[in-house]
PDB file of N, CA and C in Angstrom:
ATOM      1  N   GLN A   1       0.954  -1.207   0.047  1.00  0.00           N
ATOM      2  CA  GLN A   1       0.025  -0.052  -0.110  1.00  0.00           C
ATOM      3  C   GLN A   1       1.038   1.257  -0.032  1.00  0.00           C
ATOM      4  N   VAL A   2       0.509   2.275  -1.122  1.00  0.00           N
ATOM      5  CA  VAL A   2       1.405   3.350  -1.032  1.00  0.00           C
ATOM      6  C   VAL A   2       0.997   4.217  -0.236  1.00  0.00           C
ATOM      7  N   GLU A   3       1.848   5.170   0.466  1.00  0.00           N
ATOM      8  CA  GLU A   3       1.553   6.169   1.782  1.00  0.00           C
ATOM      9  C   GLU A   3       2.394   7.135   1.575  1.00  0.00           C
ATOM     10  N   LEU A   4       2.038   8.196   1.580  1.00  0.00           N
ATOM     11  CA  LEU A   4       2.910   9.484   1.968  1.00  0.00           C
ATOM     12  C   LEU A   4       2.718  10.023   3.462  1.00  0.00           C
ATOM     13  N   VAL A   5       3.829  10.581   4.125  1.00  0.00           N
ATOM     14  CA  VAL A   5       3.690  10.529   5.482  1.00  0.00           C
ATOM     15  C   VAL A   5       4.855  11.930   5.744  1.00  0.00           C
ATOM     16  N   GLU A   6       4.145  13.057   6.254  1.00  0.00           N
ATOM     17  CA  GLU A   6       4.875  14.291   6.515  1.00  0.00           C
ATOM     18  C   GLU A   6       5.426  14.509   7.734  1.00  0.00           C
ATOM     19  N   SER A   7       6.341  15.425   7.826  1.00  0.00           N
ATOM     20  CA  SER A   7       6.513  15.668   9.130  1.00  0.00           C
ATOM     21  C   SER A   7       7.436  17.067   8.902  1.00  0.00           C
ATOM     22  N   GLY A   8       7.761  17.627  10.186  1.00  0.00           N
ATOM     23  CA  GLY A   8       8.617  18.700  10.164  1.00  0.00           C
ATOM     24  C   GLY A   8       7.944  19.856  10.317  1.00  0.00           C
ATOM     25  N   GLY A   9       6.499  20.164  10.554  1.00  0.00           N
ATOM     26  CA  GLY A   9       5.787  21.354  10.546  1.00  0.00           C
ATOM     27  C   GLY A   9       5.761  21.873  12.053  1.00  0.00           C
ATOM     28  N   GLY A  10       5.133  23.157  11.906  1.00  0.00           N
ATOM     29  CA  GLY A  10       5.458  23.691  13.463  1.00  0.00           C
ATOM     30  C   GLY A  10       5.303  25.133  13.560  1.00  0.00           C
ATOM     31  N   SER A  11       5.679  25.947  14.598  1.00  0.00           N
ATOM     32  CA  SER A  11       5.317  27.402  14.490  1.00  0.00           C
ATOM     33  C   SER A  11       6.825  28.020  14.448  1.00  0.00           C
ATOM     34  N   VAL A  12       6.897  29.093  14.034  1.00  0.00           N
ATOM     35  CA  VAL A  12       8.430  29.734  13.573  1.00  0.00           C
ATOM     36  C   VAL A  12       7.975  31.149  13.517  1.00  0.00           C
ATOM     37  N   GLN A  13       8.624  32.161  13.881  1.00  0.00           N
ATOM     38  CA  GLN A  13       8.512  33.586  13.850  1.00  0.00           C
ATOM     39  C   GLN A  13       8.896  33.977  12.498  1.00  0.00           C
ATOM     40  N   ALA A  14       8.527  34.948  11.796  1.00  0.00           N
ATOM     41  CA  ALA A  14       8.735  35.357  10.598  1.00  0.00           C
ATOM     42  C   ALA A  14      10.329  35.525  10.328  1.00  0.00           C
ATOM     43  N   GLY A  15      10.747  35.188   9.314  1.00  0.00           N
ATOM     44  CA  GLY A  15      12.295  35.356   9.197  1.00  0.00           C
ATOM     45  C   GLY A  15      12.825  34.021   9.314  1.00  0.00           C
ATOM     46  N   GLY A  16      12.236  33.270   9.900  1.00  0.00           N
ATOM     47  CA  GLY A  16      12.917  31.772  10.501  1.00  0.00           C
ATOM     48  C   GLY A  16      12.830  30.671   9.337  1.00  0.00           C
ATOM     49  N   SER A  17      13.246  29.476   9.667  1.00  0.00           N
ATOM     50  CA  SER A  17      13.172  28.308   8.844  1.00  0.00           C
ATOM     51  C   SER A  17      12.635  27.116   9.450  1.00  0.00           C
ATOM     52  N   LEU A  18      11.991  26.463   8.578  1.00  0.00           N
ATOM     53  CA  LEU A  18      11.502  25.009   8.737  1.00  0.00           C
ATOM     54  C   LEU A  18      11.933  24.137   7.409  1.00  0.00           C
ATOM     55  N   ARG A  19      12.021  22.930   7.962  1.00  0.00           N
ATOM     56  CA  ARG A  19      12.326  21.882   6.905  1.00  0.00           C
ATOM     57  C   ARG A  19      11.217  20.558   6.730  1.00  0.00           C
ATOM     58  N   LEU A  20      10.343  20.530   5.914  1.00  0.00           N
ATOM     59  CA  LEU A  20       9.365  19.584   5.638  1.00  0.00           C
ATOM     60  C   LEU A  20       9.898  18.235   4.918  1.00  0.00           C
ATOM     61  N   SER A  21       9.521  17.402   5.766  1.00  0.00           N
ATOM     62  CA  SER A  21       9.974  16.033   5.167  1.00  0.00           C
ATOM     63  C   SER A  21       8.845  15.253   4.687  1.00  0.00           C
ATOM     64  N   CYS A  22       8.576  14.296   3.656  1.00  0.00           N
ATOM     65  CA  CYS A  22       7.749  13.382   3.290  1.00  0.00           C
ATOM     66  C   CYS A  22       8.266  11.877   2.984  1.00  0.00           C
ATOM     67  N   THR A  23       8.002  11.142   3.717  1.00  0.00           N
ATOM     68  CA  THR A  23       8.610   9.794   3.359  1.00  0.00           C
ATOM     69  C   THR A  23       7.479   8.765   2.740  1.00  0.00           C
ATOM     70  N   GLY A  24       7.899   7.828   1.464  1.00  0.00           N
ATOM     71  CA  GLY A  24       6.947   7.373   0.879  1.00  0.00           C
ATOM     72  C   GLY A  24       7.442   6.198   0.300  1.00  0.00           C
ATOM     73  N   SER A  25       6.596   5.182   0.158  1.00  0.00           N
ATOM     74  CA  SER A  25       6.895   4.093  -0.761  1.00  0.00           C
ATOM     75  C   SER A  25       6.212   4.353  -2.151  1.00  0.00           C
ATOM     76  N   GLY A  26       6.639   3.672  -3.128  1.00  0.00           N
ATOM     77  CA  GLY A  26       6.096   3.686  -4.555  1.00  0.00           C
ATOM     78  C   GLY A  26       7.027   4.428  -5.509  1.00  0.00           C
ATOM     79  N   SER A  27       6.513   4.407  -6.571  1.00  0.00           N
ATOM     80  CA  SER A  27       7.398   5.037  -7.719  1.00  0.00           C
ATOM     81  C   SER A  27       6.862   6.026  -8.193  1.00  0.00           C
ATOM     82  N   TRP A  28       7.334   7.155  -8.325  1.00  0.00           N
ATOM     83  CA  TRP A  28       7.033   8.315  -8.885  1.00  0.00           C
ATOM     84  C   TRP A  28       7.475   9.094 -10.166  1.00  0.00           C
ATOM     85  N   TYR A  29       6.738   9.668 -10.957  1.00  0.00           N
ATOM     86  CA  TYR A  29       7.197  10.712 -12.033  1.00  0.00           C
ATOM     87  C   TYR A  29       7.435  12.020 -11.235  1.00  0.00           C
ATOM     88  N   ILE A  30       6.571  12.382 -10.634  1.00  0.00           N
ATOM     89  CA  ILE A  30       6.641  13.707  -9.823  1.00  0.00           C
ATOM     90  C   ILE A  30       6.222  13.650  -8.678  1.00  0.00           C
ATOM     91  N   LEU A  31       7.183  14.357  -7.515  1.00  0.00           N
ATOM     92  CA  LEU A  31       6.590  14.641  -6.244  1.00  0.00           C
ATOM     93  C   LEU A  31       6.557  15.945  -5.949  1.00  0.00           C
ATOM     94  N   ALA A  32       5.601  16.488  -5.064  1.00  0.00           N
ATOM     95  CA  ALA A  32       5.617  17.882  -5.052  1.00  0.00           C
ATOM     96  C   ALA A  32       4.873  18.256  -3.761  1.00  0.00           C
ATOM     97  N   TRP A  33       4.666  19.606  -3.209  1.00  0.00           N
ATOM     98  CA  TRP A  33       4.312  20.255  -2.149  1.00  0.00           C
ATOM     99  C   TRP A  33       3.327  21.311  -2.559  1.00  0.00           C
ATOM    100  N   PHE A  34       2.309  20.982  -1.794  1.00  0.00           N
ATOM    101  CA  PHE A  34       1.073  22.000  -1.846  1.00  0.00           C
ATOM    102  C   PHE A  34       0.838  22.443  -0.534  1.00  0.00           C
ATOM    103  N   ARG A  35       0.065  23.589  -0.323  1.00  0.00           N
ATOM    104  CA  ARG A  35      -0.501  23.998   0.697  1.00  0.00           C
ATOM    105  C   ARG A  35      -2.099  24.730   0.709  1.00  0.00           C
ATOM    106  N   GLN A  36      -2.550  24.659   1.936  1.00  0.00           N
ATOM    107  CA  GLN A  36      -3.921  24.922   1.635  1.00  0.00           C
ATOM    108  C   GLN A  36      -4.235  25.781   3.136  1.00  0.00           C
ATOM    109  N   VAL A  37      -5.044  26.812   3.120  1.00  0.00           N
ATOM    110  CA  VAL A  37      -5.602  27.585   3.975  1.00  0.00           C
ATOM    111  C   VAL A  37      -6.938  27.421   4.076  1.00  0.00           C
ATOM    112  N   PRO A  38      -7.633  27.321   5.190  1.00  0.00           N
ATOM    113  CA  PRO A  38      -9.016  27.042   5.402  1.00  0.00           C
ATOM    114  C   PRO A  38      -9.978  28.145   4.328  1.00  0.00           C
ATOM    115  N   GLY A  39     -10.742  27.683   3.657  1.00  0.00           N
ATOM    116  CA  GLY A  39     -11.545  28.525   2.975  1.00  0.00           C
ATOM    117  C   GLY A  39     -10.832  28.969   1.481  1.00  0.00           C
ATOM    118  N   ARG A  40      -9.855  28.697   1.425  1.00  0.00           N
ATOM    119  CA  ARG A  40      -9.126  28.823   0.074  1.00  0.00           C
ATOM    120  C   ARG A  40      -8.612  27.585  -0.817  1.00  0.00           C
ATOM    121  N   GLU A  41      -8.365  27.670  -1.979  1.00  0.00           N
ATOM    122  CA  GLU A  41      -7.839  26.455  -2.664  1.00  0.00           C
ATOM    123  C   GLU A  41      -6.688  26.288  -2.294  1.00  0.00           C
ATOM    124  N   ARG A  42      -6.297  24.960  -2.545  1.00  0.00           N
ATOM    125  CA  ARG A  42      -5.098  24.059  -2.521  1.00  0.00           C
ATOM    126  C   ARG A  42      -4.199  24.923  -3.475  1.00  0.00           C
ATOM    127  N   GLU A  43      -3.024  25.398  -2.817  1.00  0.00           N
ATOM    128  CA  GLU A  43      -1.998  26.061  -3.788  1.00  0.00           C
ATOM    129  C   GLU A  43      -0.521  25.264  -4.201  1.00  0.00           C
ATOM    130  N   GLY A  44      -0.408  24.998  -5.202  1.00  0.00           N
ATOM    131  CA  GLY A  44       1.213  24.370  -5.695  1.00  0.00           C
ATOM    132  C   GLY A  44       2.146  25.346  -5.230  1.00  0.00           C
ATOM    133  N   VAL A  45       3.148  24.435  -4.254  1.00  0.00           N
ATOM    134  CA  VAL A  45       4.163  25.498  -3.820  1.00  0.00           C
ATOM    135  C   VAL A  45       5.624  24.746  -4.674  1.00  0.00           C
ATOM    136  N   ALA A  46       5.906  23.728  -4.726  1.00  0.00           N
ATOM    137  CA  ALA A  46       7.026  23.318  -5.590  1.00  0.00           C
ATOM    138  C   ALA A  46       6.708  21.931  -6.055  1.00  0.00           C
ATOM    139  N   ALA A  47       7.532  21.451  -7.222  1.00  0.00           N
ATOM    140  CA  ALA A  47       7.551  20.230  -7.668  1.00  0.00           C
ATOM    141  C   ALA A  47       8.909  19.840  -8.128  1.00  0.00           C
ATOM    142  N   ILE A  48       9.203  18.251  -8.116  1.00  0.00           N
ATOM    143  CA  ILE A  48      10.286  17.839  -8.553  1.00  0.00           C
ATOM    144  C   ILE A  48      10.273  16.509  -9.323  1.00  0.00           C
ATOM    145  N   ASP A  49      10.780  16.581 -10.529  1.00  0.00           N
ATOM    146  CA  ASP A  49      10.808  15.142 -11.408  1.00  0.00           C
ATOM    147  C   ASP A  49      11.845  14.070 -11.069  1.00  0.00           C
ATOM    148  N   ASN A  50      11.935  12.995 -11.827  1.00  0.00           N
ATOM    149  CA  ASN A  50      12.693  11.886 -11.572  1.00  0.00           C
ATOM    150  C   ASN A  50      13.948  12.612 -12.326  1.00  0.00           C
ATOM    151  N   ASP A  51      13.997  13.375 -13.021  1.00  0.00           N
ATOM    152  CA  ASP A  51      15.186  13.980 -13.525  1.00  0.00           C
ATOM    153  C   ASP A  51      15.887  15.035 -12.589  1.00  0.00           C
ATOM    154  N   GLY A  52      15.290  15.595 -11.664  1.00  0.00           N
ATOM    155  CA  GLY A  52      15.542  16.366 -10.630  1.00  0.00           C
ATOM    156  C   GLY A  52      15.201  17.922 -11.197  1.00  0.00           C
ATOM    157  N   VAL A  53      14.296  17.777 -12.170  1.00  0.00           N
ATOM    158  CA  VAL A  53      13.626  19.242 -12.794  1.00  0.00           C
ATOM    159  C   VAL A  53      12.822  19.844 -11.818  1.00  0.00           C
ATOM    160  N   THR A  54      13.007  21.070 -11.389  1.00  0.00           N
ATOM    161  CA  THR A  54      12.220  21.625 -10.253  1.00  0.00           C
ATOM    162  C   THR A  54      11.358  22.739 -10.586  1.00  0.00           C
ATOM    163  N   ASN A  55      10.506  23.040 -10.086  1.00  0.00           N
ATOM    164  CA  ASN A  55       9.523  24.017 -10.287  1.00  0.00           C
ATOM    165  C   ASN A  55       8.861  24.782  -9.147  1.00  0.00           C
ATOM    166  N   TYR A  56       8.837  26.198  -9.024  1.00  0.00           N
ATOM    167  CA  TYR A  56       8.421  26.681  -7.768  1.00  0.00           C
ATOM    168  C   TYR A  56       7.394  27.669  -8.069  1.00  0.00           C
ATOM    169  N   ALA A  57       6.364  28.008  -7.152  1.00  0.00           N
ATOM    170  CA  ALA A  57       5.434  28.980  -7.038  1.00  0.00           C
ATOM    171  C   ALA A  57       5.990  30.271  -7.067  1.00  0.00           C
ATOM    172  N   GLU A  58       5.734  31.343  -7.492  1.00  0.00           N
ATOM    173  CA  GLU A  58       6.372  32.722  -7.699  1.00  0.00           C
ATOM    174  C   GLU A  58       6.424  33.045  -6.184  1.00  0.00           C
ATOM    175  N   SER A  59       5.551  32.755  -5.617  1.00  0.00           N
ATOM    176  CA  SER A  59       5.555  33.402  -4.064  1.00  0.00           C
ATOM    177  C   SER A  59       6.554  32.807  -3.125  1.00  0.00           C
ATOM    178  N   VAL A  60       7.182  31.734  -3.425  1.00  0.00           N
ATOM    179  CA  VAL A  60       8.217  31.035  -2.871  1.00  0.00           C
ATOM    180  C   VAL A  60       9.649  30.996  -3.470  1.00  0.00           C
ATOM    181  N   LYS A  61       9.670  31.575  -4.689  1.00  0.00           N
ATOM    182  CA  LYS A  61      11.065  31.526  -5.403  1.00  0.00           C
ATOM    183  C   LYS A  61      12.122  32.147  -4.567  1.00  0.00           C
ATOM    184  N   GLY A  62      13.201  31.748  -4.236  1.00  0.00           N
ATOM    185  CA  GLY A  62      14.301  32.352  -3.843  1.00  0.00           C
ATOM    186  C   GLY A  62      14.231  32.016  -2.223  1.00  0.00           C
ATOM    187  N   ARG A  63      13.108  31.266  -1.577  1.00  0.00           N
ATOM    188  CA  ARG A  63      13.108  31.271  -0.413  1.00  0.00           C
ATOM    189  C   ARG A  63      12.992  29.825  -0.050  1.00  0.00           C
ATOM    190  N   PHE A  64      12.241  28.966  -0.865  1.00  0.00           N
ATOM    191  CA  PHE A  64      11.886  27.708  -0.617  1.00  0.00           C
ATOM    192  C   PHE A  64      12.937  26.626  -1.669  1.00  0.00           C
ATOM    193  N   THR A  65      13.339  25.352  -0.989  1.00  0.00           N
ATOM    194  CA  THR A  65      13.968  24.609  -1.971  1.00  0.00           C
ATOM    195  C   THR A  65      13.628  23.219  -1.914  1.00  0.00           C
ATOM    196  N   ILE A  66      13.058  22.586  -2.772  1.00  0.00           N
ATOM    197  CA  ILE A  66      12.462  21.236  -2.909  1.00  0.00           C
ATOM    198  C   ILE A  66      13.622  20.142  -3.497  1.00  0.00           C
ATOM    199  N   SER A  67      13.764  19.153  -2.519  1.00  0.00           N
ATOM    200  CA  SER A  67      14.663  18.367  -2.994  1.00  0.00           C
ATOM    201  C   SER A  67      14.267  16.741  -2.699  1.00  0.00           C
ATOM    202  N   LEU A  68      15.025  15.836  -3.229  1.00  0.00           N
ATOM    203  CA  LEU A  68      14.474  14.305  -3.174  1.00  0.00           C
ATOM    204  C   LEU A  68      15.728  13.563  -2.795  1.00  0.00           C
ATOM    205  N   ASP A  69      15.569  12.743  -1.814  1.00  0.00           N
ATOM    206  CA  ASP A  69      16.813  11.770  -1.369  1.00  0.00           C
ATOM    207  C   ASP A  69      16.010  10.383  -1.763  1.00  0.00           C
ATOM    208  N   LYS A  70      16.573  10.071  -3.106  1.00  0.00           N
ATOM    209  CA  LYS A  70      16.220   8.832  -3.466  1.00  0.00           C
ATOM    210  C   LYS A  70      16.281   7.599  -2.601  1.00  0.00           C
ATOM    211  N   SER A  71      17.370   7.532  -2.203  1.00  0.00           N
ATOM    212  CA  SER A  71      17.909   6.574  -1.122  1.00  0.00           C
ATOM    213  C   SER A  71      17.129   6.287  -0.035  1.00  0.00           C
ATOM    214  N   LYS A  72      16.585   7.495   0.444  1.00  0.00           N
ATOM    215  CA  LYS A  72      15.761   7.291   1.558  1.00  0.00           C
ATOM    216  C   LYS A  72      14.270   7.545   1.423  1.00  0.00           C
ATOM    217  N   LYS A  73      14.089   7.720  -0.058  1.00  0.00           N
ATOM    218  CA  LYS A  73      12.648   7.759  -0.331  1.00  0.00           C
ATOM    219  C   LYS A  73      12.099   8.715   0.250  1.00  0.00           C
ATOM    220  N   THR A  74      12.502  10.071   0.518  1.00  0.00           N
ATOM    221  CA  THR A  74      12.384  11.114   1.406  1.00  0.00           C
ATOM    222  C   THR A  74      12.269  12.564   0.507  1.00  0.00           C
ATOM    223  N   LEU A  75      11.252  13.179   0.427  1.00  0.00           N
ATOM    224  CA  LEU A  75      11.079  14.284  -0.216  1.00  0.00           C
ATOM    225  C   LEU A  75      11.409  15.338   0.696  1.00  0.00           C
ATOM    226  N   TYR A  76      11.822  16.527   0.470  1.00  0.00           N
ATOM    227  CA  TYR A  76      11.931  17.430   1.392  1.00  0.00           C
ATOM    228  C   TYR A  76      11.575  18.897   0.764  1.00  0.00           C
ATOM    229  N   LEU A  77      11.106  19.934   1.876  1.00  0.00           N
ATOM    230  CA  LEU A  77      10.777  21.281   1.466  1.00  0.00           C
ATOM    231  C   LEU A  77      11.524  21.787   2.666  1.00  0.00           C
ATOM    232  N   GLN A  78      12.757  22.691   2.111  1.00  0.00           N
ATOM    233  CA  GLN A  78      13.551  23.687   3.043  1.00  0.00           C
ATOM    234  C   GLN A  78      12.868  24.902   2.731  1.00  0.00           C
ATOM    235  N   MET A  79      12.274  25.291   3.940  1.00  0.00           N
ATOM    236  CA  MET A  79      11.632  26.723   3.992  1.00  0.00           C
ATOM    237  C   MET A  79      12.333  27.809   4.755  1.00  0.00           C
ATOM    238  N   ASP A  80      12.877  28.845   4.075  1.00  0.00           N
ATOM    239  CA  ASP A  80      13.852  30.055   4.633  1.00  0.00           C
ATOM    240  C   ASP A  80      12.994  31.221   4.632  1.00  0.00           C
ATOM    241  N   SER A  81      13.481  32.239   5.218  1.00  0.00           N
ATOM    242  CA  SER A  81      12.641  33.677   5.367  1.00  0.00           C
ATOM    243  C   SER A  81      11.311  33.492   5.178  1.00  0.00           C
ATOM    244  N   LEU A  82      10.671  32.894   6.318  1.00  0.00           N
ATOM    245  CA  LEU A  82       9.190  32.522   6.170  1.00  0.00           C
ATOM    246  C   LEU A  82       8.584  33.761   6.431  1.00  0.00           C
ATOM    247  N   LYS A  83       7.410  33.743   5.900  1.00  0.00           N
ATOM    248  CA  LYS A  83       6.573  35.137   5.910  1.00  0.00           C
ATOM    249  C   LYS A  83       5.102  34.496   6.768  1.00  0.00           C
ATOM    250  N   PRO A  84       4.289  35.366   7.559  1.00  0.00           N
ATOM    251  CA  PRO A  84       3.144  34.996   7.720  1.00  0.00           C
ATOM    252  C   PRO A  84       2.377  34.335   6.771  1.00  0.00           C
ATOM    253  N   GLU A  85       2.404  34.992   5.699  1.00  0.00           N
ATOM    254  CA  GLU A  85       1.601  34.346   4.537  1.00  0.00           C
ATOM    255  C   GLU A  85       1.706  32.990   4.104  1.00  0.00           C
ATOM    256  N   ASP A  86       2.979  32.416   4.433  1.00  0.00           N
ATOM    257  CA  ASP A  86       3.190  31.074   4.301  1.00  0.00           C
ATOM    258  C   ASP A  86       2.362  30.114   5.330  1.00  0.00           C
ATOM    259  N   THR A  87       1.717  30.615   6.239  1.00  0.00           N
ATOM    260  CA  THR A  87       1.056  29.771   7.125  1.00  0.00           C
ATOM    261  C   THR A  87       0.002  29.093   6.473  1.00  0.00           C
ATOM    262  N   ALA A  88      -0.121  27.692   6.479  1.00  0.00           N
ATOM    263  CA  ALA A  88      -0.968  26.703   5.935  1.00  0.00           C
ATOM    264  C   ALA A  88      -0.863  25.239   6.441  1.00  0.00           C
ATOM    265  N   THR A  89      -1.589  24.471   5.934  1.00  0.00           N
ATOM    266  CA  THR A  89      -1.252  22.960   5.947  1.00  0.00           C
ATOM    267  C   THR A  89      -0.447  22.709   4.835  1.00  0.00           C
ATOM    268  N   TYR A  90       0.709  21.942   4.911  1.00  0.00           N
ATOM    269  CA  TYR A  90       1.413  21.622   3.510  1.00  0.00           C
ATOM    270  C   TYR A  90       1.188  20.184   3.539  1.00  0.00           C
ATOM    271  N   TYR A  91       0.933  19.781   2.180  1.00  0.00           N
ATOM    272  CA  TYR A  91       0.818  18.366   1.883  1.00  0.00           C
ATOM    273  C   TYR A  91       1.743  17.781   0.701  1.00  0.00           C
ATOM    274  N   CYS A  92       2.273  16.748   1.083  1.00  0.00           N
ATOM    275  CA  CYS A  92       3.033  16.372  -0.168  1.00  0.00           C
ATOM    276  C   CYS A  92       2.066  15.486  -0.963  1.00  0.00           C
ATOM    277  N   ALA A  93       2.498  15.290  -2.621  1.00  0.00           N
ATOM    278  CA  ALA A  93       1.860  14.782  -3.295  1.00  0.00           C
ATOM    279  C   ALA A  93       2.581  13.833  -4.291  1.00  0.00           C
ATOM    280  N   GLY A  94       1.982  12.549  -4.899  1.00  0.00           N
ATOM    281  CA  GLY A  94       2.733  12.109  -5.880  1.00  0.00           C
ATOM    282  C   GLY A  94       2.148  11.601  -6.868  1.00  0.00           C
ATOM    283  N   ASP A  95       2.772  11.737  -7.962  1.00  0.00           N
ATOM    284  CA  ASP A  95       2.044  11.473  -9.352  1.00  0.00           C
ATOM    285  C   ASP A  95       2.673  10.294  -9.779  1.00  0.00           C
ATOM    286  N   SER A  96       2.231   9.145  -9.982  1.00  0.00           N
ATOM    287  CA  SER A  96       2.731   7.813 -10.217  1.00  0.00           C
ATOM    288  C   SER A  96       2.058   7.515 -11.820  1.00  0.00           C
ATOM    289  N   LYS A  97       1.406   8.394 -12.455  1.00  0.00           N
ATOM    290  CA  LYS A  97       1.207   8.134 -13.727  1.00  0.00           C
ATOM    291  C   LYS A  97       1.967   8.665 -14.812  1.00  0.00           C
ATOM    292  N   GLY A  98       2.582  10.104 -14.343  1.00  0.00           N
ATOM    293  CA  GLY A  98       3.247  10.632 -15.345  1.00  0.00           C
ATOM    294  C   GLY A  98       2.453  11.382 -16.337  1.00  0.00           C
ATOM    295  N   TRP A  99       1.292  12.070 -15.821  1.00  0.00           N
ATOM    296  CA  TRP A  99       0.321  12.891 -16.399  1.00  0.00           C
ATOM    297  C   TRP A  99       0.673  14.377 -16.792  1.00  0.00           C
ATOM    298  N   ALA A 100       1.840  14.852 -16.284  1.00  0.00           N
ATOM    299  CA  ALA A 100       2.215  16.072 -16.357  1.00  0.00           C
ATOM    300  C   ALA A 100       3.547  16.090 -16.287  1.00  0.00           C
ATOM    301  N   SER A 101       4.096  17.458 -16.550  1.00  0.00           N
ATOM    302  CA  SER A 101       5.642  17.492 -16.145  1.00  0.00           C
ATOM    303  C   SER A 101       5.865  18.387 -15.108  1.00  0.00           C
ATOM    304  N   ALA A 102       6.963  18.399 -14.716  1.00  0.00           N
ATOM    305  CA  ALA A 102       6.988  19.243 -13.146  1.00  0.00           C
ATOM    306  C   ALA A 102       6.847  20.884 -13.436  1.00  0.00           C
ATOM    307  N   MET A 103       7.028  21.223 -14.679  1.00  0.00           N
ATOM    308  CA  MET A 103       6.574  22.816 -14.980  1.00  0.00           C
ATOM    309  C   MET A 103       5.268  22.909 -14.902  1.00  0.00           C
ATOM    310  N   GLU A 104       4.244  21.608 -15.235  1.00  0.00           N
ATOM    311  CA  GLU A 104       2.760  21.890 -15.390  1.00  0.00           C
ATOM    312  C   GLU A 104       2.306  21.553 -14.132  1.00  0.00           C
ATOM    313  N   ALA A 105       2.770  20.557 -13.106  1.00  0.00           N
ATOM    314  CA  ALA A 105       2.169  19.902 -12.127  1.00  0.00           C
ATOM    315  C   ALA A 105       1.534  20.762 -11.120  1.00  0.00           C
ATOM    316  N   LEU A 106       2.213  22.000 -10.723  1.00  0.00           N
ATOM    317  CA  LEU A 106       1.704  22.772  -9.679  1.00  0.00           C
ATOM    318  C   LEU A 106       0.212  23.353 -10.036  1.00  0.00           C
ATOM    319  N   SER A 107      -0.012  23.402 -11.151  1.00  0.00           N
ATOM    320  CA  SER A 107      -1.355  24.125 -11.587  1.00  0.00           C
ATOM    321  C   SER A 107      -2.259  22.987 -11.791  1.00  0.00           C
ATOM    322  N   VAL A 108      -2.096  21.563 -11.762  1.00  0.00           N
ATOM    323  CA  VAL A 108      -3.072  20.489 -12.120  1.00  0.00           C
ATOM    324  C   VAL A 108      -2.908  19.550 -11.016  1.00  0.00           C
ATOM    325  N   PRO A 109      -3.308  20.084  -9.752  1.00  0.00           N
ATOM    326  CA  PRO A 109      -3.206  19.310  -8.706  1.00  0.00           C
ATOM    327  C   PRO A 109      -3.925  17.718  -8.721  1.00  0.00           C
ATOM    328  N   HIS A 110      -5.096  17.855  -9.687  1.00  0.00           N
ATOM    329  CA  HIS A 110      -5.720  16.479  -9.797  1.00  0.00           C
ATOM    330  C   HIS A 110      -4.714  15.499 -10.274  1.00  0.00           C
ATOM    331  N   ILE A 111      -3.715  15.785 -11.075  1.00  0.00           N
ATOM    332  CA  ILE A 111      -3.084  14.793 -11.397  1.00  0.00           C
ATOM    333  C   ILE A 111      -2.268  13.864 -10.567  1.00  0.00           C
ATOM    334  N   PHE A 112      -2.153  14.285  -9.269  1.00  0.00           N
ATOM    335  CA  PHE A 112      -1.532  13.571  -8.286  1.00  0.00           C
ATOM    336  C   PHE A 112      -2.652  12.640  -7.764  1.00  0.00           C
ATOM    337  N   ASN A 113      -2.150  11.313  -7.829  1.00  0.00           N
ATOM    338  CA  ASN A 113      -2.948  10.118  -7.234  1.00  0.00           C
ATOM    339  C   ASN A 113      -2.585   9.747  -5.995  1.00  0.00           C
ATOM    340  N   TYR A 114      -1.633  10.351  -5.182  1.00  0.00           N
ATOM    341  CA  TYR A 114      -1.383  10.056  -3.748  1.00  0.00           C
ATOM    342  C   TYR A 114      -1.054  11.366  -2.933  1.00  0.00           C
ATOM    343  N   TRP A 115      -1.611  11.457  -1.732  1.00  0.00           N
ATOM    344  CA  TRP A 115      -1.530  12.426  -0.801  1.00  0.00           C
ATOM    345  C   TRP A 115      -1.251  12.173   0.487  1.00  0.00           C
ATOM    346  N   GLY A 116      -0.225  13.011   1.169  1.00  0.00           N
ATOM    347  CA  GLY A 116      -0.093  12.900   2.575  1.00  0.00           C
ATOM    348  C   GLY A 116      -1.042  13.425   3.306  1.00  0.00           C
ATOM    349  N   GLN A 117      -1.295  13.085   4.467  1.00  0.00           N
ATOM    350  CA  GLN A 117      -2.139  13.804   5.693  1.00  0.00           C
ATOM    351  C   GLN A 117      -2.459  15.093   5.902  1.00  0.00           C
ATOM    352  N   GLY A 118      -1.104  15.816   5.629  1.00  0.00           N
ATOM    353  CA  GLY A 118      -0.799  17.352   5.774  1.00  0.00           C
ATOM    354  C   GLY A 118       0.049  17.618   7.172  1.00  0.00           C
ATOM    355  N   THR A 119       0.796  18.618   7.028  1.00  0.00           N
ATOM    356  CA  THR A 119       1.492  18.954   8.454  1.00  0.00           C
ATOM    357  C   THR A 119       1.314  20.565   8.389  1.00  0.00           C
ATOM    358  N   GLN A 120       1.104  21.221   9.514  1.00  0.00           N
ATOM    359  CA  GLN A 120       0.870  22.360   9.667  1.00  0.00           C
ATOM    360  C   GLN A 120       2.002  23.359  10.030  1.00  0.00           C
ATOM    361  N   VAL A 121       1.872  24.554   9.412  1.00  0.00           N
ATOM    362  CA  VAL A 121       3.212  25.348   9.362  1.00  0.00           C
ATOM    363  C   VAL A 121       2.422  26.624   9.864  1.00  0.00           C
ATOM    364  N   ILE A 122       2.954  27.423  10.910  1.00  0.00           N
ATOM    365  CA  ILE A 122       2.296  28.666  11.530  1.00  0.00           C
ATOM    366  C   ILE A 122       3.454  29.609  11.679  1.00  0.00           C
ATOM    367  N   VAL A 123       3.461  30.740  10.821  1.00  0.00           N
ATOM    368  CA  VAL A 123       4.412  31.744  11.060  1.00  0.00           C
ATOM    369  C   VAL A 123       3.820  33.053  11.597  1.00  0.00           C
ATOM    370  N   SER A 124       4.373  33.255  12.737  1.00  0.00           N
ATOM    371  CA  SER A 124       3.829  34.564  13.511  1.00  0.00           C
ATOM    372  C   SER A 124       4.879  35.936  12.944  1.00  0.00           C
ATOM    373  N   SER A 125       4.226  36.810  13.011  1.00  0.00           N
ATOM    374  CA  SER A 125       4.920  37.942  12.952  1.00  0.00           C
ATOM    375  C   SER A 125       5.615  38.772  13.901  1.00  0.00           C
TER     376      SER A 125
END
C-alpha cells in the first residue's frame, strides 16, 4: 500500500526556517508540495521530477527549496525567510502516472493520485 507521510511542521517567527519531510513508498514521476489555508483553494508550492527538474510558485521562489533523497525515499521542502502568509497546512503529493511535467504539475493538482495527511506550518509576525 502506497503511503506518503509528512513531518516537520511547526510554529516559527517570521524570518525563520523550517524543513518539511515526506517519506513514502512507491514509484513516482513527480513529487510535489502543496499548501492550503481554510476557505481557500489548494496552492502548488514546489515540484520535482525524476530527472531533478524543479518548479516553484512565484511566491516562494528564492526562499523555498525542494529536494529528493531517493535512497531514503524522502522528499524535503526547506523553507527559509518564512513570512506570515506562508502559514498553511502543507501536503506532499505523488504522481505515479506521469500525466504532467514538473513545470505543469503545480497548476493541475488533480494529476496527483497520492496525498499525505498534511502538516501544519504557522508563521507569526
